[in-house]
């Protein structure tokens, strides 16, 4: 009797998860469009109302969706196998959301703390705050004041140190699969529901090549904006208008990052943006320095292929597992799906720190 009821429950959980993700996407497109496209041209009271709606959505609604989505995802995945690392991922995202979207906005009286939770080169917003003539500074100073700007910049420096040091110790798993509140959270919290349309797709070599090109292109763009602002703030003669540079970066964020990330959720897979995230690319270098790897044991591998099927980054894990060689790949986000999926516990996620201090 229990077996007969498990499948309907799982189906309902999946339907609810898909509905939540659809609602999240539609609301984001509508409210973000109004906030970034219309609010600045609207009457002041209308603009303020739109801004309050956006902040409420981005902080409170998003956190509620993370809580509900995490619960449903664990219910769904738990019926088919082990969820040890998946649970840790979701716990990390819940904790990060509660801190960045709820506690700090209340404590700092600033509803846009989330802008400062991701280090360079993901966004130059912290650098723009250092220039009083930037549109970002001029729009925030009347609301935050000098003390508020100092507070978010201090938080930004602390958050950046946490991400950098954490990545050196724990690999990309630390940021990309535990703390990222841009795309990483959605890829984990809503993973059973993706893609929203059609079936899960396996990336072909041509698609991987295109995404690899996009990866280095977006890193080059992000690096350009970062270096431009650093040189500008250092009073180094450089071509370009800061208002125009900031506007171009904002358009790239809205189109190439936010909209494309959601497009991947709907049509392909949750980790689409992670293939070309500029911050993720930088963190892959740090993860390499920290000796991030998937440890394998050829004596236990039965070559079932589950590790390859569940990997959201299209990494050929089984080839390394069957010969017992540790696997390092720059695309690996450390989600641990392969580790949880392995029926013989052949795989383990590890870094130099974890090997030395926890024996993993």
Protein backbone atom coordinates (compact mmCIF):
# COMPACT_ATOMS: atom_id res chain seq x y z
CA UNK A 1 0.00 0.00 0.00
CA UNK A 2 2.85 2.34 0.87
CA UNK A 3 4.51 1.72 -2.50
CA UNK A 4 1.29 2.63 -4.31
CA UNK A 5 1.04 5.97 -2.53
CA UNK A 6 4.70 6.99 -2.95
CA UNK A 7 4.49 7.67 -6.68
CA UNK A 8 1.37 9.92 -6.56
CA UNK A 9 2.92 11.89 -3.69
CA UNK A 10 6.15 12.36 -5.61
CA UNK A 11 4.21 13.46 -8.70
CA UNK A 12 2.28 16.04 -6.69
CA UNK A 13 5.47 17.29 -5.05
CA UNK A 14 7.01 17.75 -8.49
CA UNK A 15 3.95 19.59 -9.83
CA UNK A 16 3.97 21.96 -6.87
CA UNK A 17 7.71 22.55 -7.29
CA UNK A 18 7.22 23.39 -10.98
CA UNK A 19 4.38 25.79 -10.16
CA UNK A 20 6.53 27.57 -7.56
CA UNK A 21 9.38 27.94 -10.06
CA UNK A 22 7.01 29.27 -12.74
CA UNK A 23 5.60 31.80 -10.27
CA UNK A 24 9.13 32.80 -9.23
CA UNK A 25 10.19 33.37 -12.87
CA UNK A 26 7.05 35.26 -13.93
CA UNK A 27 7.09 37.52 -10.87
CA UNK A 28 10.80 38.18 -11.33
CA UNK A 29 10.37 39.17 -14.97
CA UNK A 30 7.44 41.46 -14.23
CA UNK A 31 8.73 43.14 -11.08
CA UNK A 32 12.37 43.34 -12.21
CA UNK A 33 11.23 44.79 -15.53
CA UNK A 34 9.22 47.45 -13.74
CA UNK A 35 11.99 48.18 -11.23
CA UNK A 36 14.86 48.45 -13.70
CA UNK A 37 12.96 49.70 -16.73
CA UNK A 38 10.01 51.82 -15.63
CA UNK A 39 10.51 52.95 -12.03
CA UNK A 40 13.13 55.60 -12.89
CA UNK A 41 10.72 57.25 -15.37
CA UNK A 42 7.59 56.96 -13.24
CA UNK A 43 6.29 59.48 -10.74
CA UNK A 44 8.38 59.41 -7.51
CA UNK A 45 5.66 57.77 -5.42
CA UNK A 46 5.05 55.10 -8.09
CA UNK A 47 8.77 54.47 -8.43
CA UNK A 48 9.14 54.03 -4.68
CA UNK A 49 6.19 51.64 -4.60
CA UNK A 50 7.70 49.51 -7.38
CA UNK A 51 11.05 49.51 -5.60
CA UNK A 52 9.44 48.33 -2.35
CA UNK A 53 7.65 45.53 -4.23
CA UNK A 54 10.93 44.45 -5.83
CA UNK A 55 12.77 44.38 -2.51
CA UNK A 56 9.95 42.46 -0.84
CA UNK A 57 9.95 39.95 -3.67
CA UNK A 58 13.75 39.59 -3.85
CA UNK A 59 14.14 39.18 -0.09
CA UNK A 60 11.05 37.71 1.52
CA UNK A 61 9.29 35.92 -1.35
CA UNK A 62 12.53 34.41 -2.63
CA UNK A 63 13.43 33.13 0.85
CA UNK A 64 10.01 31.54 1.29
CA UNK A 65 10.35 29.85 -2.10
CA UNK A 66 13.80 28.53 -1.10
CA UNK A 67 12.37 27.05 2.10
CA UNK A 68 9.38 25.40 0.41
CA UNK A 69 11.39 24.30 -2.64
CA UNK A 70 14.11 22.73 -0.48
CA UNK A 71 11.54 20.74 1.46
CA UNK A 72 9.86 19.46 -1.70
CA UNK A 73 13.16 18.63 -3.43
CA UNK A 74 14.35 16.55 -0.51
CA UNK A 75 11.02 14.69 -0.48
CA UNK A 76 11.34 13.96 -4.20
CA UNK A 77 15.02 13.00 -4.30
CA UNK A 78 14.92 11.08 -1.04
CA UNK A 79 12.57 8.53 -2.61
CA UNK A 80 15.16 7.52 -5.21
CA UNK A 81 18.44 7.47 -3.32
CA UNK A 82 20.88 9.03 -0.88
CA UNK A 83 20.66 12.79 -0.28
CA UNK A 84 23.54 13.48 2.13
CA UNK A 85 25.34 16.18 0.13
CA UNK A 86 22.11 17.47 -1.40
CA UNK A 87 20.76 18.15 2.09
CA UNK A 88 23.92 20.05 2.99
CA UNK A 89 23.59 22.15 -0.16
CA UNK A 90 20.01 23.09 0.62
CA UNK A 91 20.77 23.82 4.27
CA UNK A 92 23.53 26.18 3.13
CA UNK A 93 21.21 28.02 0.75
CA UNK A 94 18.51 28.34 3.40
CA UNK A 95 21.03 29.76 5.89
CA UNK A 96 22.49 32.13 3.27
CA UNK A 97 19.01 33.36 2.31
CA UNK A 98 18.02 33.97 5.92
CA UNK A 99 21.19 35.99 6.52
CA UNK A 100 21.42 37.94 3.24
CA UNK A 101 17.71 38.42 2.50
CA UNK A 102 16.18 38.67 5.98
CA UNK A 103 18.54 39.29 8.93
CA UNK A 104 21.04 41.72 7.40
CA UNK A 105 18.42 43.90 5.63
CA UNK A 106 16.63 44.29 8.95
CA UNK A 107 19.84 44.87 10.92
CA UNK A 108 21.42 47.27 8.40
CA UNK A 109 18.09 48.81 7.36
CA UNK A 110 19.08 48.15 3.76
CA UNK A 111 16.97 46.05 1.41
CA UNK A 112 19.70 45.64 -1.23
CA UNK A 113 22.33 43.74 0.73
CA UNK A 114 22.10 40.94 -1.84
CA UNK A 115 23.97 43.18 -4.32
CA UNK A 116 27.06 42.80 -2.13
CA UNK A 117 27.06 39.08 -1.37
CA UNK A 118 29.01 38.11 -4.53
CA UNK A 119 32.69 39.12 -4.96
CA UNK A 120 34.29 40.69 -7.99
CA UNK A 121 34.15 40.20 -10.91
CA UNK A 122 30.46 39.27 -10.67
CA UNK A 123 29.34 42.90 -10.33
CA UNK A 124 31.06 46.28 -10.02
CA UNK A 125 28.31 47.75 -7.83
CA UNK A 126 30.69 48.06 -4.82
CA UNK A 127 33.19 49.95 -6.99
CA UNK A 128 30.46 52.23 -8.33
CA UNK A 129 29.54 53.13 -4.75
CA UNK A 130 33.03 54.57 -4.32
CA UNK A 131 32.35 57.19 -7.01
CA UNK A 132 29.95 59.94 -5.95
CA UNK A 133 29.11 60.78 -9.55
CA UNK A 134 27.82 57.31 -10.44
CA UNK A 135 24.09 56.79 -10.87
CA UNK A 136 24.27 53.89 -8.42
CA UNK A 137 25.74 56.13 -5.70
CA UNK A 138 23.40 59.03 -6.40
CA UNK A 139 20.31 56.81 -6.25
CA UNK A 140 21.38 55.09 -3.01
CA UNK A 141 22.99 57.89 -1.00
CA UNK A 142 19.71 59.72 -0.24
CA UNK A 143 18.30 56.45 1.15
CA UNK A 144 21.35 54.85 2.79
CA UNK A 145 23.45 57.86 3.74
CA UNK A 146 27.22 57.74 4.24
CA UNK A 147 26.92 55.33 7.16
CA UNK A 148 24.71 52.95 5.18
CA UNK A 149 27.11 52.91 2.23
CA UNK A 150 30.03 52.21 4.57
CA UNK A 151 28.08 49.38 6.19
CA UNK A 152 27.32 47.55 2.91
CA UNK A 153 30.92 48.00 1.71
CA UNK A 154 32.19 46.47 4.95
CA UNK A 155 29.76 43.59 4.49
CA UNK A 156 30.97 43.21 0.90
CA UNK A 157 34.60 42.91 2.01
CA UNK A 158 33.68 40.36 4.69
CA UNK A 159 31.53 38.36 2.23
CA UNK A 160 34.33 38.39 -0.35
CA UNK A 161 36.83 37.07 2.18
CA UNK A 162 34.40 34.36 3.25
CA UNK A 163 33.94 33.24 -0.36
CA UNK A 164 37.65 33.32 -1.26
CA UNK A 165 38.89 31.58 1.88
CA UNK A 166 36.00 29.11 1.84
CA UNK A 167 36.74 28.19 -1.77
CA UNK A 168 40.41 27.59 -1.02
CA UNK A 169 39.40 25.28 1.83
CA UNK A 170 36.27 23.60 0.47
CA UNK A 171 36.44 24.14 -3.30
CA UNK A 172 33.71 25.59 -5.52
CA UNK A 173 31.13 23.70 -3.50
CA UNK A 174 31.42 26.45 -0.87
CA UNK A 175 30.05 29.21 -3.11
CA UNK A 176 28.48 27.56 -6.14
CA UNK A 177 26.54 24.84 -4.30
CA UNK A 178 26.02 26.36 -0.86
CA UNK A 179 26.01 30.16 -0.87
CA UNK A 180 25.20 31.45 -4.38
CA UNK A 181 21.83 33.22 -4.28
CA UNK A 182 21.83 34.10 -7.99
CA UNK A 183 21.77 30.82 -9.92
CA UNK A 184 23.25 28.16 -7.65
CA UNK A 185 20.29 28.22 -5.27
CA UNK A 186 17.76 27.74 -8.09
CA UNK A 187 19.77 24.91 -9.65
CA UNK A 188 19.72 23.01 -6.36
CA UNK A 189 16.41 24.02 -4.80
CA UNK A 190 14.40 23.40 -7.98
CA UNK A 191 16.59 20.78 -9.70
CA UNK A 192 13.87 18.06 -9.98
CA UNK A 193 11.58 20.57 -11.73
CA UNK A 194 14.08 21.57 -14.42
CA UNK A 195 13.62 21.99 -17.28
CA UNK A 196 10.11 23.30 -16.91
CA UNK A 197 9.38 22.43 -20.54
CA UNK A 198 10.37 19.12 -22.11
CA UNK A 199 12.78 16.50 -20.82
CA UNK A 200 16.26 16.79 -19.40
CA UNK A 201 18.81 17.26 -22.15
CA UNK A 202 22.31 15.89 -22.48
CA UNK A 203 24.76 18.46 -23.78
CA UNK A 204 26.48 17.56 -27.02
CA UNK A 205 30.10 18.51 -27.82
CA UNK A 206 29.02 21.49 -29.94
CA UNK A 207 26.89 22.89 -27.10
CA UNK A 208 29.77 22.46 -24.67
CA UNK A 209 32.07 24.29 -27.08
CA UNK A 210 29.62 27.20 -27.36
CA UNK A 211 29.26 27.41 -23.58
CA UNK A 212 33.03 27.28 -23.17
CA UNK A 213 33.39 30.23 -25.55
CA UNK A 214 30.65 32.07 -23.62
CA UNK A 215 32.52 31.31 -20.40
CA UNK A 216 35.68 33.10 -21.46
CA UNK A 217 33.73 35.88 -23.17
CA UNK A 218 31.77 36.71 -20.02
CA UNK A 219 34.94 36.51 -17.93
CA UNK A 220 36.61 38.95 -20.33
CA UNK A 221 33.61 41.32 -20.11
CA UNK A 222 33.43 41.13 -16.32
CA UNK A 223 37.19 41.66 -16.05
CA UNK A 224 36.99 44.65 -18.39
CA UNK A 225 34.33 46.37 -16.26
CA UNK A 226 36.21 45.60 -13.05
CA UNK A 227 39.55 46.87 -14.35
CA UNK A 228 37.90 49.94 -15.91
CA UNK A 229 36.37 50.98 -12.59
CA UNK A 230 39.58 50.32 -10.66
CA UNK A 231 41.59 52.46 -13.09
CA UNK A 232 38.91 55.16 -13.10
CA UNK A 233 38.82 55.32 -9.30
CA UNK A 234 42.62 55.45 -9.23
CA UNK A 235 42.46 58.56 -11.46
CA UNK A 236 44.28 56.80 -14.29
CA UNK A 237 43.42 58.47 -17.64
CA UNK A 238 41.01 56.11 -19.39
CA UNK A 239 38.41 56.45 -22.14
CA UNK A 240 34.75 56.02 -21.30
CA UNK A 241 31.92 57.68 -19.42
CA UNK A 242 31.15 56.06 -16.03
CA UNK A 243 27.41 56.49 -16.54
CA UNK A 244 27.55 54.74 -19.92
CA UNK A 245 29.83 51.95 -18.64
CA UNK A 246 27.50 51.27 -15.70
CA UNK A 247 24.45 51.23 -17.99
CA UNK A 248 26.07 48.78 -20.43
CA UNK A 249 27.02 46.48 -17.56
CA UNK A 250 23.45 46.66 -16.26
CA UNK A 251 22.05 45.64 -19.67
CA UNK A 252 24.48 42.72 -19.87
CA UNK A 253 23.41 41.63 -16.38
CA UNK A 254 19.70 41.75 -17.25
CA UNK A 255 19.98 40.10 -20.68
CA UNK A 256 23.03 37.86 -20.67
CA UNK A 257 22.78 36.76 -17.08
CA UNK A 258 19.35 37.05 -15.45
CA UNK A 259 17.20 36.37 -18.54
CA UNK A 260 19.52 33.70 -19.93
CA UNK A 261 19.67 31.93 -16.56
CA UNK A 262 15.87 31.73 -16.49
CA UNK A 263 15.79 30.61 -20.11
CA UNK A 264 18.00 27.68 -19.17
CA UNK A 265 15.68 26.83 -16.25
CA UNK A 266 12.70 26.70 -18.58
CA UNK A 267 14.18 24.96 -21.60
CA UNK A 268 17.36 23.12 -20.67
CA UNK A 269 18.76 22.70 -17.12
CA UNK A 270 19.33 24.58 -13.89
CA UNK A 271 23.09 25.01 -14.10
CA UNK A 272 23.15 26.68 -17.52
CA UNK A 273 24.44 30.00 -16.20
CA UNK A 274 27.09 28.19 -14.13
CA UNK A 275 28.80 27.16 -17.38
CA UNK A 276 29.74 30.77 -18.09
CA UNK A 277 29.48 32.57 -14.72
CA UNK A 278 32.54 34.87 -14.47
CA UNK A 279 32.78 34.47 -10.71
CA UNK A 280 32.56 30.69 -11.02
CA UNK A 281 35.40 30.74 -13.55
CA UNK A 282 37.62 32.71 -11.16
CA UNK A 283 36.69 30.41 -8.28
CA UNK A 284 37.64 27.37 -10.37
CA UNK A 285 41.25 28.62 -10.24
CA UNK A 286 41.06 28.91 -6.44
CA UNK A 287 39.45 25.47 -6.21
CA UNK A 288 42.31 24.06 -8.24
CA UNK A 289 44.78 25.64 -5.84
CA UNK A 290 42.87 24.00 -2.98
CA UNK A 291 43.09 20.61 -4.73
CA UNK A 292 39.36 20.13 -5.24
CA UNK A 293 38.66 16.71 -6.73
CA UNK A 294 36.28 13.79 -6.90
CA UNK A 295 38.09 10.85 -5.34
CA UNK A 296 37.35 7.50 -7.00
CA UNK A 297 37.89 3.79 -6.23
CA UNK A 298 38.10 1.48 -9.24
CA UNK A 299 37.64 -1.60 -7.08
CA UNK A 300 34.10 -0.50 -6.30
CA UNK A 301 32.98 1.09 -9.61
CA UNK A 302 30.40 -1.05 -11.43
CA UNK A 303 30.22 1.35 -14.42
CA UNK A 304 26.48 1.92 -14.04
CA UNK A 305 26.80 5.49 -15.37
CA UNK A 306 24.61 7.11 -12.72
CA UNK A 307 27.32 9.65 -11.87
CA UNK A 308 27.41 10.90 -15.45
CA UNK A 309 23.62 11.06 -15.73
CA UNK A 310 23.14 13.19 -12.62
CA UNK A 311 26.09 15.56 -13.19
CA UNK A 312 24.60 18.99 -14.02
CA UNK A 313 27.90 20.12 -15.59
CA UNK A 314 28.18 17.32 -18.19
CA UNK A 315 31.43 15.92 -16.76
CA UNK A 316 32.46 12.36 -17.68
CA UNK A 317 33.01 11.07 -14.15
CA UNK A 318 32.69 7.37 -14.87
CA UNK A 319 35.75 7.29 -17.14
CA UNK A 320 37.88 8.35 -14.20
CA UNK A 321 36.03 6.22 -11.67
CA UNK A 322 36.54 2.97 -13.55
CA UNK A 323 40.35 3.46 -13.52
CA UNK A 324 40.43 4.75 -9.96
CA UNK A 325 41.92 8.16 -10.78
CA UNK A 326 40.92 11.34 -8.88
CA UNK A 327 38.97 13.75 -11.07
CA UNK A 328 39.53 17.49 -11.32
CA UNK A 329 37.46 19.51 -13.78
CA UNK A 330 37.16 23.28 -14.04
CA UNK A 331 33.39 23.01 -14.61
CA UNK A 332 32.78 21.03 -11.40
CA UNK A 333 30.64 23.06 -8.97
CA UNK A 334 31.01 20.53 -6.16
CA UNK A 335 27.28 19.83 -5.90
CA UNK A 336 27.95 16.21 -4.91
CA UNK A 337 25.10 14.77 -6.95
CA UNK A 338 27.45 12.12 -8.34
CA UNK A 339 28.57 11.16 -4.84
CA UNK A 340 24.99 10.75 -3.64
CA UNK A 341 23.98 8.82 -6.78
CA UNK A 342 26.80 6.25 -6.65
CA UNK A 343 25.29 2.91 -5.49
CA UNK A 344 28.65 1.49 -4.34
CA UNK A 345 29.96 4.67 -2.63
CA UNK A 346 32.89 4.73 -5.04
CA UNK A 347 33.01 8.53 -5.16
CA UNK A 348 33.82 11.19 -2.59
CA UNK A 349 34.19 14.96 -2.79
CA UNK A 350 37.49 16.21 -1.41
CA UNK A 351 39.91 19.12 -1.11
CA UNK A 352 43.34 19.42 0.48
CA UNK A 353 41.77 20.86 3.64
CA UNK A 354 39.13 18.13 3.86
CA UNK A 355 41.77 15.43 3.33
CA UNK A 356 44.02 16.83 6.01
CA UNK A 357 41.52 17.73 8.70
CA UNK A 358 38.53 15.46 8.17
CA UNK A 359 40.08 12.43 6.47
CA UNK A 360 37.83 12.72 3.38
